[in-house]
């Protein structure tokens, strides 16, 4: 379905109704930024908005999906074509990924911070570890080379270390085993922190924990940590800029910050008939909700440049950007995910320093 054509059509029909973007958005109960995204071809209206849009613009669904006014002679043919396209795109949208896990039904949403926090806390407090699998050092997740090979974190010896999104504590054990002097963990889920505490205590490891969204300024000391890292944690933030701003505050001058997350190119490409097909726009940074078993998650797509620019804007100097695949792991997986990984990175990792 041609999002650019549909966006232009929405804009044209809106103007015919003498509506500004803001007026159109107010009738629908959404922001004018969302309308702008549609009209620029950077997203499609959710299903719940399609009938109201048609009523306001005095068009029908078939014309909306076609991106043009239709004569009676073209109507049936376009209806059949649009139905086939919708079925194909529904399947492609299910191929958005987080850490190698193919997501279920994916819907674009209006981001509400409270709702995002509530939904994601519920997921991680219940089935998150079992459903997604909890990547832990020395693994950076997916089919990415391990820390043992990359050595992004450097020496842990005698360092004060903070993990963002500490989960069940297994990465913190790795840090302790590597000689960290002091361990701290931050997580949005109190249940995850409880798991981490119990796990580390059983290993005879002492650690301090703070339960908070990473984008909030919380009870962590400023100018304190030598090393901050996150394994598949940073992407869950509702505000990347605030997250990096606060991490910068917690760190000592010269401290190192390393994080890894799903590479944004991977969600854009699906495998069809042994061919790689672009099924999502790389430039789409909308929020989405995805079914994960009987729970849901809410995340934002972000371009790689969004992470890099946010780091630079908040006082970090980027030392390394790693986009790589472990070819042996990818080949051994013998599935579509592995075949994609041999041609596209599944994960990226960035090493930055506070100056």
C-alpha atoms as a PDB file:
ATOM      1  CA  UNK A   1       0.000   0.000   0.000  1.00  0.00           C
ATOM      2  CA  UNK A   2       1.451   3.334  -1.098  1.00  0.00           C
ATOM      3  CA  UNK A   3       1.644   5.384   2.126  1.00  0.00           C
ATOM      4  CA  UNK A   4       2.972   8.468   0.316  1.00  0.00           C
ATOM      5  CA  UNK A   5       0.099   8.421  -2.188  1.00  0.00           C
ATOM      6  CA  UNK A   6      -2.450   7.851   0.584  1.00  0.00           C
ATOM      7  CA  UNK A   7      -0.926  10.675   2.634  1.00  0.00           C
ATOM      8  CA  UNK A   8      -1.160  13.107  -0.254  1.00  0.00           C
ATOM      9  CA  UNK A   9      -4.754  12.030  -0.864  1.00  0.00           C
ATOM     10  CA  UNK A  10      -5.687  12.633   2.796  1.00  0.00           C
ATOM     11  CA  UNK A  11      -4.103  16.096   2.596  1.00  0.00           C
ATOM     12  CA  UNK A  12      -5.942  16.884  -0.650  1.00  0.00           C
ATOM     13  CA  UNK A  13      -9.324  15.743   0.692  1.00  0.00           C
ATOM     14  CA  UNK A  14      -8.768  17.587   3.995  1.00  0.00           C
ATOM     15  CA  UNK A  15      -8.108  20.824   2.141  1.00  0.00           C
ATOM     16  CA  UNK A  16     -11.248  20.290   0.036  1.00  0.00           C
ATOM     17  CA  UNK A  17     -13.171  20.230   3.325  1.00  0.00           C
ATOM     18  CA  UNK A  18     -11.482  23.524   4.320  1.00  0.00           C
ATOM     19  CA  UNK A  19      -9.850  21.943   7.366  1.00  0.00           C
ATOM     20  CA  UNK A  20      -6.399  22.696   8.748  1.00  0.00           C
ATOM     21  CA  UNK A  21      -4.313  19.822  10.092  1.00  0.00           C
ATOM     22  CA  UNK A  22      -5.073  21.004  13.620  1.00  0.00           C
ATOM     23  CA  UNK A  23      -8.835  21.185  13.010  1.00  0.00           C
ATOM     24  CA  UNK A  24      -8.807  17.737  11.401  1.00  0.00           C
ATOM     25  CA  UNK A  25      -6.801  16.343  14.339  1.00  0.00           C
ATOM     26  CA  UNK A  26      -9.144  17.890  16.919  1.00  0.00           C
ATOM     27  CA  UNK A  27     -12.183  16.245  15.291  1.00  0.00           C
ATOM     28  CA  UNK A  28     -10.396  12.870  15.459  1.00  0.00           C
ATOM     29  CA  UNK A  29      -9.108  13.501  19.004  1.00  0.00           C
ATOM     30  CA  UNK A  30      -5.437  13.139  18.071  1.00  0.00           C
ATOM     31  CA  UNK A  31      -2.415  15.441  17.674  1.00  0.00           C
ATOM     32  CA  UNK A  32      -1.749  17.446  14.520  1.00  0.00           C
ATOM     33  CA  UNK A  33       1.709  15.812  14.457  1.00  0.00           C
ATOM     34  CA  UNK A  34       0.015  12.472  13.785  1.00  0.00           C
ATOM     35  CA  UNK A  35      -1.944  13.974  10.891  1.00  0.00           C
ATOM     36  CA  UNK A  36       1.283  15.463   9.546  1.00  0.00           C
ATOM     37  CA  UNK A  37       2.968  12.038   9.650  1.00  0.00           C
ATOM     38  CA  UNK A  38       0.107  10.504   7.670  1.00  0.00           C
ATOM     39  CA  UNK A  39       0.182  13.251   5.068  1.00  0.00           C
ATOM     40  CA  UNK A  40       3.974  13.011   4.711  1.00  0.00           C
ATOM     41  CA  UNK A  41       3.668   9.276   4.076  1.00  0.00           C
ATOM     42  CA  UNK A  42       5.468   8.298   7.301  1.00  0.00           C
ATOM     43  CA  UNK A  43       2.629   6.241   8.737  1.00  0.00           C
ATOM     44  CA  UNK A  44      -0.887   4.966   8.238  1.00  0.00           C
ATOM     45  CA  UNK A  45      -3.973   5.696  10.351  1.00  0.00           C
ATOM     46  CA  UNK A  46      -4.949   3.008  12.830  1.00  0.00           C
ATOM     47  CA  UNK A  47      -7.955   0.901  11.898  1.00  0.00           C
ATOM     48  CA  UNK A  48     -10.137   2.648  14.507  1.00  0.00           C
ATOM     49  CA  UNK A  49      -9.588   6.012  12.738  1.00  0.00           C
ATOM     50  CA  UNK A  50     -10.298   4.879   9.184  1.00  0.00           C
ATOM     51  CA  UNK A  51     -14.089   5.120   9.218  1.00  0.00           C
ATOM     52  CA  UNK A  52     -14.084   8.530  10.967  1.00  0.00           C
ATOM     53  CA  UNK A  53     -11.495   9.795   8.458  1.00  0.00           C
ATOM     54  CA  UNK A  54     -13.675   8.652   5.565  1.00  0.00           C
ATOM     55  CA  UNK A  55     -16.741  10.312   7.064  1.00  0.00           C
ATOM     56  CA  UNK A  56     -14.937  13.604   7.606  1.00  0.00           C
ATOM     57  CA  UNK A  57     -13.313  13.635   4.171  1.00  0.00           C
ATOM     58  CA  UNK A  58     -16.439  12.316   2.396  1.00  0.00           C
ATOM     59  CA  UNK A  59     -14.650   9.356   0.819  1.00  0.00           C
ATOM     60  CA  UNK A  60     -14.976   5.584   1.222  1.00  0.00           C
ATOM     61  CA  UNK A  61     -12.477   3.031   2.552  1.00  0.00           C
ATOM     62  CA  UNK A  62     -11.625   1.766  -0.898  1.00  0.00           C
ATOM     63  CA  UNK A  63     -10.687   5.281  -1.988  1.00  0.00           C
ATOM     64  CA  UNK A  64      -8.658   5.811   1.186  1.00  0.00           C
ATOM     65  CA  UNK A  65      -6.663   2.613   0.594  1.00  0.00           C
ATOM     66  CA  UNK A  66      -6.246   3.473  -3.098  1.00  0.00           C
ATOM     67  CA  UNK A  67      -5.177   7.047  -2.416  1.00  0.00           C
ATOM     68  CA  UNK A  68      -7.481   8.451  -5.087  1.00  0.00           C
ATOM     69  CA  UNK A  69     -11.107   9.054  -6.007  1.00  0.00           C
ATOM     70  CA  UNK A  70     -12.558   6.070  -7.897  1.00  0.00           C
ATOM     71  CA  UNK A  71     -15.030   5.825 -10.739  1.00  0.00           C
ATOM     72  CA  UNK A  72     -17.643   3.075 -10.518  1.00  0.00           C
ATOM     73  CA  UNK A  73     -15.870   1.046 -13.211  1.00  0.00           C
ATOM     74  CA  UNK A  74     -12.646   0.919 -11.171  1.00  0.00           C
ATOM     75  CA  UNK A  75     -14.231   0.270  -7.796  1.00  0.00           C
ATOM     76  CA  UNK A  76     -14.447  -3.554  -7.775  1.00  0.00           C
ATOM     77  CA  UNK A  77     -10.970  -4.038  -9.254  1.00  0.00           C
ATOM     78  CA  UNK A  78      -9.392  -1.672  -6.710  1.00  0.00           C
ATOM     79  CA  UNK A  79     -11.298  -3.303  -3.865  1.00  0.00           C
ATOM     80  CA  UNK A  80      -9.825  -6.708  -4.723  1.00  0.00           C
ATOM     81  CA  UNK A  81      -6.324  -5.287  -5.116  1.00  0.00           C
ATOM     82  CA  UNK A  82      -6.562  -3.459  -1.787  1.00  0.00           C
ATOM     83  CA  UNK A  83      -7.785  -6.593  -0.006  1.00  0.00           C
ATOM     84  CA  UNK A  84      -4.820  -8.626  -1.280  1.00  0.00           C
ATOM     85  CA  UNK A  85      -2.399  -5.839  -0.315  1.00  0.00           C
ATOM     86  CA  UNK A  86      -3.878  -5.580   3.184  1.00  0.00           C
ATOM     87  CA  UNK A  87      -3.456  -9.305   3.797  1.00  0.00           C
ATOM     88  CA  UNK A  88       0.193  -9.171   2.685  1.00  0.00           C
ATOM     89  CA  UNK A  89       0.982  -6.093   4.756  1.00  0.00           C
ATOM     90  CA  UNK A  90      -0.689  -7.580   7.837  1.00  0.00           C
ATOM     91  CA  UNK A  91       1.716 -10.502   7.616  1.00  0.00           C
ATOM     92  CA  UNK A  92       4.690  -8.211   7.090  1.00  0.00           C
ATOM     93  CA  UNK A  93       3.796  -6.046  10.082  1.00  0.00           C
ATOM     94  CA  UNK A  94       4.024  -9.135  12.283  1.00  0.00           C
ATOM     95  CA  UNK A  95       7.719  -9.322  11.453  1.00  0.00           C
ATOM     96  CA  UNK A  96       8.797  -6.431  13.635  1.00  0.00           C
ATOM     97  CA  UNK A  97      11.382  -7.785  16.064  1.00  0.00           C
ATOM     98  CA  UNK A  98      12.902  -7.242  19.480  1.00  0.00           C
ATOM     99  CA  UNK A  99      16.137  -9.093  20.058  1.00  0.00           C
ATOM    100  CA  UNK A 100      15.369 -11.804  17.552  1.00  0.00           C
ATOM    101  CA  UNK A 101      11.867 -12.445  18.834  1.00  0.00           C
ATOM    102  CA  UNK A 102       9.274 -12.024  16.083  1.00  0.00           C
ATOM    103  CA  UNK A 103       6.414  -9.988  17.480  1.00  0.00           C
ATOM    104  CA  UNK A 104       2.733 -10.794  17.249  1.00  0.00           C
ATOM    105  CA  UNK A 105       0.089  -8.353  16.043  1.00  0.00           C
ATOM    106  CA  UNK A 106       1.679  -4.893  15.850  1.00  0.00           C
ATOM    107  CA  UNK A 107      -0.405  -1.706  15.969  1.00  0.00           C
ATOM    108  CA  UNK A 108       0.729   1.911  15.808  1.00  0.00           C
ATOM    109  CA  UNK A 109      -0.308   3.867  18.918  1.00  0.00           C
ATOM    110  CA  UNK A 110      -0.321   7.359  20.380  1.00  0.00           C
ATOM    111  CA  UNK A 111       2.368   7.311  23.076  1.00  0.00           C
ATOM    112  CA  UNK A 112       1.083   7.815  26.616  1.00  0.00           C
ATOM    113  CA  UNK A 113       3.921   7.639  29.158  1.00  0.00           C
ATOM    114  CA  UNK A 114       1.804   6.246  32.006  1.00  0.00           C
ATOM    115  CA  UNK A 115       0.269   3.596  29.768  1.00  0.00           C
ATOM    116  CA  UNK A 116       3.657   2.611  28.328  1.00  0.00           C
ATOM    117  CA  UNK A 117       5.152   2.223  31.794  1.00  0.00           C
ATOM    118  CA  UNK A 118       2.163   0.261  33.081  1.00  0.00           C
ATOM    119  CA  UNK A 119       2.144  -2.095  30.079  1.00  0.00           C
ATOM    120  CA  UNK A 120       5.882  -2.762  30.057  1.00  0.00           C
ATOM    121  CA  UNK A 121       6.129  -3.212  33.830  1.00  0.00           C
ATOM    122  CA  UNK A 122       3.346  -5.795  33.653  1.00  0.00           C
ATOM    123  CA  UNK A 123       5.163  -7.631  30.854  1.00  0.00           C
ATOM    124  CA  UNK A 124       8.548  -7.739  32.613  1.00  0.00           C
ATOM    125  CA  UNK A 125       7.032  -8.535  35.988  1.00  0.00           C
ATOM    126  CA  UNK A 126       5.302 -11.619  34.571  1.00  0.00           C
ATOM    127  CA  UNK A 127       6.372 -13.321  31.316  1.00  0.00           C
ATOM    128  CA  UNK A 128       9.096 -11.030  29.952  1.00  0.00           C
ATOM    129  CA  UNK A 129      12.147 -13.163  30.732  1.00  0.00           C
ATOM    130  CA  UNK A 130      10.536 -16.354  29.495  1.00  0.00           C
ATOM    131  CA  UNK A 131       8.936 -14.848  26.388  1.00  0.00           C
ATOM    132  CA  UNK A 132      11.742 -12.656  25.027  1.00  0.00           C
ATOM    133  CA  UNK A 133      14.613 -14.351  26.740  1.00  0.00           C
ATOM    134  CA  UNK A 134      16.874 -12.210  28.897  1.00  0.00           C
ATOM    135  CA  UNK A 135      20.137 -11.377  27.125  1.00  0.00           C
ATOM    136  CA  UNK A 136      22.972 -11.178  29.641  1.00  0.00           C
ATOM    137  CA  UNK A 137      26.678 -10.473  29.441  1.00  0.00           C
ATOM    138  CA  UNK A 138      28.891 -11.671  27.920  1.00  0.00           C
ATOM    139  CA  UNK A 139      26.125 -11.892  25.271  1.00  0.00           C
ATOM    140  CA  UNK A 140      24.867  -8.666  23.723  1.00  0.00           C
ATOM    141  CA  UNK A 141      21.849 -10.548  22.332  1.00  0.00           C
ATOM    142  CA  UNK A 142      20.590 -11.747  18.973  1.00  0.00           C
ATOM    143  CA  UNK A 143      23.310 -13.159  16.731  1.00  0.00           C
ATOM    144  CA  UNK A 144      25.782 -10.452  17.749  1.00  0.00           C
ATOM    145  CA  UNK A 145      29.415 -11.154  18.700  1.00  0.00           C
ATOM    146  CA  UNK A 146      29.897 -11.527  22.456  1.00  0.00           C
ATOM    147  CA  UNK A 147      31.634  -9.168  24.854  1.00  0.00           C
ATOM    148  CA  UNK A 148      34.441 -11.708  25.198  1.00  0.00           C
ATOM    149  CA  UNK A 149      35.280 -10.952  21.555  1.00  0.00           C
ATOM    150  CA  UNK A 150      34.378  -7.257  21.315  1.00  0.00           C
ATOM    151  CA  UNK A 151      35.773  -6.093  24.683  1.00  0.00           C
ATOM    152  CA  UNK A 152      33.697  -2.897  24.576  1.00  0.00           C
ATOM    153  CA  UNK A 153      33.424  -2.609  28.352  1.00  0.00           C
ATOM    154  CA  UNK A 154      37.130  -2.857  29.074  1.00  0.00           C
ATOM    155  CA  UNK A 155      38.313  -3.751  32.562  1.00  0.00           C
ATOM    156  CA  UNK A 156      35.787  -3.937  35.412  1.00  0.00           C
ATOM    157  CA  UNK A 157      38.521  -4.104  38.030  1.00  0.00           C
ATOM    158  CA  UNK A 158      37.880  -1.788  41.019  1.00  0.00           C
ATOM    159  CA  UNK A 159      35.167   0.129  39.124  1.00  0.00           C
ATOM    160  CA  UNK A 160      31.807   1.393  40.295  1.00  0.00           C
ATOM    161  CA  UNK A 161      29.351  -0.081  37.802  1.00  0.00           C
ATOM    162  CA  UNK A 162      25.706   0.668  36.988  1.00  0.00           C
ATOM    163  CA  UNK A 163      23.443  -1.467  34.793  1.00  0.00           C
ATOM    164  CA  UNK A 164      20.428   0.213  33.154  1.00  0.00           C
ATOM    165  CA  UNK A 165      17.598  -2.302  32.886  1.00  0.00           C
ATOM    166  CA  UNK A 166      19.255  -4.837  35.168  1.00  0.00           C
ATOM    167  CA  UNK A 167      16.522  -7.461  34.764  1.00  0.00           C
ATOM    168  CA  UNK A 168      17.257 -10.704  36.584  1.00  0.00           C
ATOM    169  CA  UNK A 169      20.808  -9.772  37.575  1.00  0.00           C
ATOM    170  CA  UNK A 170      22.809 -12.170  35.413  1.00  0.00           C
ATOM    171  CA  UNK A 171      24.825  -9.402  33.729  1.00  0.00           C
ATOM    172  CA  UNK A 172      25.601  -7.976  37.158  1.00  0.00           C
ATOM    173  CA  UNK A 173      27.064 -11.328  38.168  1.00  0.00           C
ATOM    174  CA  UNK A 174      29.303 -11.147  35.099  1.00  0.00           C
ATOM    175  CA  UNK A 175      30.470  -7.688  36.225  1.00  0.00           C
ATOM    176  CA  UNK A 176      31.138  -8.996  39.727  1.00  0.00           C
ATOM    177  CA  UNK A 177      33.063 -11.993  38.391  1.00  0.00           C
ATOM    178  CA  UNK A 178      35.171  -9.590  36.310  1.00  0.00           C
ATOM    179  CA  UNK A 179      36.205  -7.653  39.420  1.00  0.00           C
ATOM    180  CA  UNK A 180      33.757  -4.746  39.740  1.00  0.00           C
ATOM    181  CA  UNK A 181      34.210  -2.951  43.072  1.00  0.00           C
ATOM    182  CA  UNK A 182      30.610  -1.795  43.425  1.00  0.00           C
ATOM    183  CA  UNK A 183      27.421  -2.892  41.662  1.00  0.00           C
ATOM    184  CA  UNK A 184      24.218  -0.937  41.117  1.00  0.00           C
ATOM    185  CA  UNK A 185      21.143  -1.908  39.114  1.00  0.00           C
ATOM    186  CA  UNK A 186      18.251   0.198  37.777  1.00  0.00           C
ATOM    187  CA  UNK A 187      15.002  -1.321  36.523  1.00  0.00           C
ATOM    188  CA  UNK A 188      11.394  -0.231  36.032  1.00  0.00           C
ATOM    189  CA  UNK A 189      10.022  -3.513  37.422  1.00  0.00           C
ATOM    190  CA  UNK A 190      10.129  -4.131  41.179  1.00  0.00           C
ATOM    191  CA  UNK A 191       9.590  -7.835  40.464  1.00  0.00           C
ATOM    192  CA  UNK A 192      12.681  -7.942  38.252  1.00  0.00           C
ATOM    193  CA  UNK A 193      14.715  -6.238  40.964  1.00  0.00           C
ATOM    194  CA  UNK A 194      13.478  -8.800  43.480  1.00  0.00           C
ATOM    195  CA  UNK A 195      14.633 -11.579  41.152  1.00  0.00           C
ATOM    196  CA  UNK A 196      18.021  -9.913  40.695  1.00  0.00           C
ATOM    197  CA  UNK A 197      18.483  -9.421  44.437  1.00  0.00           C
ATOM    198  CA  UNK A 198      17.641 -13.056  45.183  1.00  0.00           C
ATOM    199  CA  UNK A 199      19.894 -14.328  42.403  1.00  0.00           C
ATOM    200  CA  UNK A 200      22.903 -12.250  43.452  1.00  0.00           C
ATOM    201  CA  UNK A 201      22.467 -12.986  47.166  1.00  0.00           C
ATOM    202  CA  UNK A 202      22.520 -16.691  46.355  1.00  0.00           C
ATOM    203  CA  UNK A 203      25.881 -16.057  44.636  1.00  0.00           C
ATOM    204  CA  UNK A 204      27.209 -14.123  47.621  1.00  0.00           C
ATOM    205  CA  UNK A 205      27.262 -10.860  45.645  1.00  0.00           C
ATOM    206  CA  UNK A 206      26.273  -7.501  47.152  1.00  0.00           C
ATOM    207  CA  UNK A 207      24.486  -4.927  44.995  1.00  0.00           C
ATOM    208  CA  UNK A 208      22.304  -1.833  45.322  1.00  0.00           C
ATOM    209  CA  UNK A 209      19.087  -1.359  43.349  1.00  0.00           C
ATOM    210  CA  UNK A 210      16.797   1.482  42.333  1.00  0.00           C
ATOM    211  CA  UNK A 211      13.325   0.903  40.902  1.00  0.00           C
ATOM    212  CA  UNK A 212      12.483   3.670  38.437  1.00  0.00           C
ATOM    213  CA  UNK A 213      11.923   4.404  34.754  1.00  0.00           C
ATOM    214  CA  UNK A 214      15.350   5.163  33.291  1.00  0.00           C
ATOM    215  CA  UNK A 215      14.154   8.495  31.850  1.00  0.00           C
ATOM    216  CA  UNK A 216      13.344   9.833  35.343  1.00  0.00           C
ATOM    217  CA  UNK A 217      15.960  11.428  37.593  1.00  0.00           C
ATOM    218  CA  UNK A 218      16.118   8.928  40.424  1.00  0.00           C
ATOM    219  CA  UNK A 219      18.028   8.091  43.595  1.00  0.00           C
ATOM    220  CA  UNK A 220      21.360   7.442  41.951  1.00  0.00           C
ATOM    221  CA  UNK A 221      24.476   9.477  42.902  1.00  0.00           C
ATOM    222  CA  UNK A 222      25.864  12.039  40.473  1.00  0.00           C
ATOM    223  CA  UNK A 223      29.449  11.980  39.158  1.00  0.00           C
ATOM    224  CA  UNK A 224      29.858   8.524  40.674  1.00  0.00           C
ATOM    225  CA  UNK A 225      30.072   5.648  38.187  1.00  0.00           C
ATOM    226  CA  UNK A 226      33.128   4.588  36.190  1.00  0.00           C
ATOM    227  CA  UNK A 227      31.117   2.330  33.900  1.00  0.00           C
ATOM    228  CA  UNK A 228      27.455   2.261  32.874  1.00  0.00           C
ATOM    229  CA  UNK A 229      26.103  -0.391  30.526  1.00  0.00           C
ATOM    230  CA  UNK A 230      22.791  -1.714  29.233  1.00  0.00           C
ATOM    231  CA  UNK A 231      22.012  -4.982  27.436  1.00  0.00           C
ATOM    232  CA  UNK A 232      18.726  -4.622  25.536  1.00  0.00           C
ATOM    233  CA  UNK A 233      17.519  -2.017  28.010  1.00  0.00           C
ATOM    234  CA  UNK A 234      17.844   1.460  26.486  1.00  0.00           C
ATOM    235  CA  UNK A 235      15.246   0.894  23.771  1.00  0.00           C
ATOM    236  CA  UNK A 236      12.482   0.649  26.390  1.00  0.00           C
ATOM    237  CA  UNK A 237      12.767   4.306  27.398  1.00  0.00           C
ATOM    238  CA  UNK A 238       9.947   6.733  26.647  1.00  0.00           C
ATOM    239  CA  UNK A 239      12.426   9.626  26.373  1.00  0.00           C
ATOM    240  CA  UNK A 240      15.863   8.920  24.936  1.00  0.00           C
ATOM    241  CA  UNK A 241      17.143  12.454  25.479  1.00  0.00           C
ATOM    242  CA  UNK A 242      16.294  12.497  29.198  1.00  0.00           C
ATOM    243  CA  UNK A 243      17.707   8.998  29.657  1.00  0.00           C
ATOM    244  CA  UNK A 244      21.096   9.939  28.223  1.00  0.00           C
ATOM    245  CA  UNK A 245      21.064  13.247  30.125  1.00  0.00           C
ATOM    246  CA  UNK A 246      20.607  11.444  33.454  1.00  0.00           C
ATOM    247  CA  UNK A 247      23.134   8.712  32.671  1.00  0.00           C
ATOM    248  CA  UNK A 248      25.658  11.455  31.897  1.00  0.00           C
ATOM    249  CA  UNK A 249      24.930  13.018  35.307  1.00  0.00           C
ATOM    250  CA  UNK A 250      25.497   9.719  37.150  1.00  0.00           C
ATOM    251  CA  UNK A 251      28.902   9.141  35.544  1.00  0.00           C
ATOM    252  CA  UNK A 252      32.351  10.356  36.483  1.00  0.00           C
ATOM    253  CA  UNK A 253      34.235  12.469  33.976  1.00  0.00           C
ATOM    254  CA  UNK A 254      35.959  10.064  31.600  1.00  0.00           C
ATOM    255  CA  UNK A 255      33.483   7.297  32.459  1.00  0.00           C
ATOM    256  CA  UNK A 256      32.378   4.803  29.827  1.00  0.00           C
ATOM    257  CA  UNK A 257      28.806   4.101  28.701  1.00  0.00           C
ATOM    258  CA  UNK A 258      28.050   1.057  26.508  1.00  0.00           C
ATOM    259  CA  UNK A 259      24.673  -0.193  25.343  1.00  0.00           C
ATOM    260  CA  UNK A 260      23.263  -2.577  22.785  1.00  0.00           C
ATOM    261  CA  UNK A 261      19.819  -2.750  21.175  1.00  0.00           C
ATOM    262  CA  UNK A 262      18.007  -4.256  18.187  1.00  0.00           C
ATOM    263  CA  UNK A 263      19.328  -2.751  14.978  1.00  0.00           C
ATOM    264  CA  UNK A 264      16.585  -0.600  13.401  1.00  0.00           C
ATOM    265  CA  UNK A 265      17.242  -1.878   9.857  1.00  0.00           C
ATOM    266  CA  UNK A 266      16.267  -5.390  10.858  1.00  0.00           C
ATOM    267  CA  UNK A 267      12.613  -4.554  11.506  1.00  0.00           C
ATOM    268  CA  UNK A 268      12.364  -3.050   8.014  1.00  0.00           C
ATOM    269  CA  UNK A 269      13.148  -6.253   6.130  1.00  0.00           C
ATOM    270  CA  UNK A 270      11.309  -9.558   5.914  1.00  0.00           C
ATOM    271  CA  UNK A 271      12.146 -12.813   4.151  1.00  0.00           C
ATOM    272  CA  UNK A 272       9.728 -13.856   1.426  1.00  0.00           C
ATOM    273  CA  UNK A 273      10.456 -16.745  -0.911  1.00  0.00           C
ATOM    274  CA  UNK A 274      14.124 -16.643   0.121  1.00  0.00           C
ATOM    275  CA  UNK A 275      14.342 -12.965  -0.832  1.00  0.00           C
ATOM    276  CA  UNK A 276      14.782  -9.936   1.428  1.00  0.00           C
ATOM    277  CA  UNK A 277      11.843  -7.563   1.027  1.00  0.00           C
ATOM    278  CA  UNK A 278      11.553  -4.097   2.572  1.00  0.00           C
ATOM    279  CA  UNK A 279       8.284  -4.215   4.516  1.00  0.00           C
ATOM    280  CA  UNK A 280       8.610  -1.223   6.879  1.00  0.00           C
ATOM    281  CA  UNK A 281       9.996   2.282   6.510  1.00  0.00           C
ATOM    282  CA  UNK A 282      13.343   2.859   8.208  1.00  0.00           C
ATOM    283  CA  UNK A 283      12.277   6.454   8.869  1.00  0.00           C
ATOM    284  CA  UNK A 284       9.164   5.430  10.799  1.00  0.00           C
ATOM    285  CA  UNK A 285       9.745   6.282  14.470  1.00  0.00           C
ATOM    286  CA  UNK A 286       6.176   5.834  15.641  1.00  0.00           C
ATOM    287  CA  UNK A 287       5.235   4.047  18.831  1.00  0.00           C
ATOM    288  CA  UNK A 288       3.663   0.633  18.533  1.00  0.00           C
ATOM    289  CA  UNK A 289       1.939  -1.951  20.703  1.00  0.00           C
ATOM    290  CA  UNK A 290       2.654  -5.637  20.118  1.00  0.00           C
ATOM    291  CA  UNK A 291       1.015  -8.797  21.417  1.00  0.00           C
ATOM    292  CA  UNK A 292       3.402 -10.981  23.414  1.00  0.00           C
ATOM    293  CA  UNK A 293       1.517 -14.080  24.481  1.00  0.00           C
ATOM    294  CA  UNK A 294      -1.284 -12.891  26.739  1.00  0.00           C
ATOM    295  CA  UNK A 295       0.564  -9.621  27.485  1.00  0.00           C
ATOM    296  CA  UNK A 296       1.561  -6.592  25.441  1.00  0.00           C
ATOM    297  CA  UNK A 297       4.614  -4.398  25.067  1.00  0.00           C
ATOM    298  CA  UNK A 298       4.889  -0.774  23.915  1.00  0.00           C
ATOM    299  CA  UNK A 299       8.011   0.438  22.143  1.00  0.00           C
ATOM    300  CA  UNK A 300       9.198   3.058  19.704  1.00  0.00           C
ATOM    301  CA  UNK A 301      11.032   2.475  16.455  1.00  0.00           C
ATOM    302  CA  UNK A 302      14.126   4.687  16.370  1.00  0.00           C
ATOM    303  CA  UNK A 303      16.710   5.301  13.690  1.00  0.00           C
ATOM    304  CA  UNK A 304      20.363   4.682  14.498  1.00  0.00           C
ATOM    305  CA  UNK A 305      21.054   8.398  14.008  1.00  0.00           C
ATOM    306  CA  UNK A 306      18.497   9.167  16.730  1.00  0.00           C
ATOM    307  CA  UNK A 307      20.606   7.287  19.301  1.00  0.00           C
ATOM    308  CA  UNK A 308      23.872   8.837  18.067  1.00  0.00           C
ATOM    309  CA  UNK A 309      22.553  12.402  18.023  1.00  0.00           C
ATOM    310  CA  UNK A 310      20.966  12.043  21.482  1.00  0.00           C
ATOM    311  CA  UNK A 311      24.319  10.888  22.882  1.00  0.00           C
ATOM    312  CA  UNK A 312      26.149  13.810  21.280  1.00  0.00           C
ATOM    313  CA  UNK A 313      23.528  16.306  22.458  1.00  0.00           C
ATOM    314  CA  UNK A 314      24.009  15.167  26.057  1.00  0.00           C
ATOM    315  CA  UNK A 315      27.772  15.439  26.342  1.00  0.00           C
ATOM    316  CA  UNK A 316      29.004  12.044  25.178  1.00  0.00           C
ATOM    317  CA  UNK A 317      31.781  11.367  22.695  1.00  0.00           C
ATOM    318  CA  UNK A 318      31.180   8.215  20.678  1.00  0.00           C
ATOM    319  CA  UNK A 319      34.206   5.942  20.562  1.00  0.00           C
ATOM    320  CA  UNK A 320      32.788   2.926  18.769  1.00  0.00           C
ATOM    321  CA  UNK A 321      29.692   1.867  16.837  1.00  0.00           C
ATOM    322  CA  UNK A 322      29.523  -1.861  16.186  1.00  0.00           C
ATOM    323  CA  UNK A 323      27.175  -3.318  13.568  1.00  0.00           C
ATOM    324  CA  UNK A 324      28.014  -6.991  13.250  1.00  0.00           C
ATOM    325  CA  UNK A 325      26.749 -10.549  13.050  1.00  0.00           C
ATOM    326  CA  UNK A 326      28.394 -13.680  14.381  1.00  0.00           C
ATOM    327  CA  UNK A 327      28.420 -15.688  11.123  1.00  0.00           C
ATOM    328  CA  UNK A 328      28.778 -19.072  12.812  1.00  0.00           C
ATOM    329  CA  UNK A 329      25.745 -18.472  15.047  1.00  0.00           C
ATOM    330  CA  UNK A 330      23.721 -17.105  12.126  1.00  0.00           C
ATOM    331  CA  UNK A 331      24.511 -20.062   9.873  1.00  0.00           C
ATOM    332  CA  UNK A 332      23.795 -22.543  12.654  1.00  0.00           C
ATOM    333  CA  UNK A 333      20.364 -21.040  13.360  1.00  0.00           C
ATOM    334  CA  UNK A 334      19.041 -22.319  10.015  1.00  0.00           C
ATOM    335  CA  UNK A 335      16.016 -19.999   9.995  1.00  0.00           C
ATOM    336  CA  UNK A 336      14.881 -16.763   8.357  1.00  0.00           C
ATOM    337  CA  UNK A 337      16.237 -14.687  11.220  1.00  0.00           C
ATOM    338  CA  UNK A 338      19.681 -16.201  10.787  1.00  0.00           C
ATOM    339  CA  UNK A 339      19.605 -15.850   7.017  1.00  0.00           C
ATOM    340  CA  UNK A 340      18.766 -12.160   7.385  1.00  0.00           C
ATOM    341  CA  UNK A 341      21.524 -11.754   9.951  1.00  0.00           C
ATOM    342  CA  UNK A 342      24.122 -12.920   7.427  1.00  0.00           C
ATOM    343  CA  UNK A 343      23.237  -9.875   5.299  1.00  0.00           C
ATOM    344  CA  UNK A 344      21.959  -7.320   7.835  1.00  0.00           C
ATOM    345  CA  UNK A 345      22.969  -6.582  11.445  1.00  0.00           C
ATOM    346  CA  UNK A 346      20.497  -7.769  14.087  1.00  0.00           C
ATOM    347  CA  UNK A 347      22.009  -5.714  16.911  1.00  0.00           C
ATOM    348  CA  UNK A 348      24.098  -2.590  17.271  1.00  0.00           C
ATOM    349  CA  UNK A 349      26.294  -1.562  20.184  1.00  0.00           C
ATOM    350  CA  UNK A 350      27.681   1.878  20.985  1.00  0.00           C
ATOM    351  CA  UNK A 351      30.566   2.776  23.272  1.00  0.00           C
ATOM    352  CA  UNK A 352      30.606   6.394  24.438  1.00  0.00           C
ATOM    353  CA  UNK A 353      32.571   8.395  26.972  1.00  0.00           C
ATOM    354  CA  UNK A 354      31.705  11.341  29.243  1.00  0.00           C
ATOM    355  CA  UNK A 355      34.109  14.184  28.582  1.00  0.00           C
END
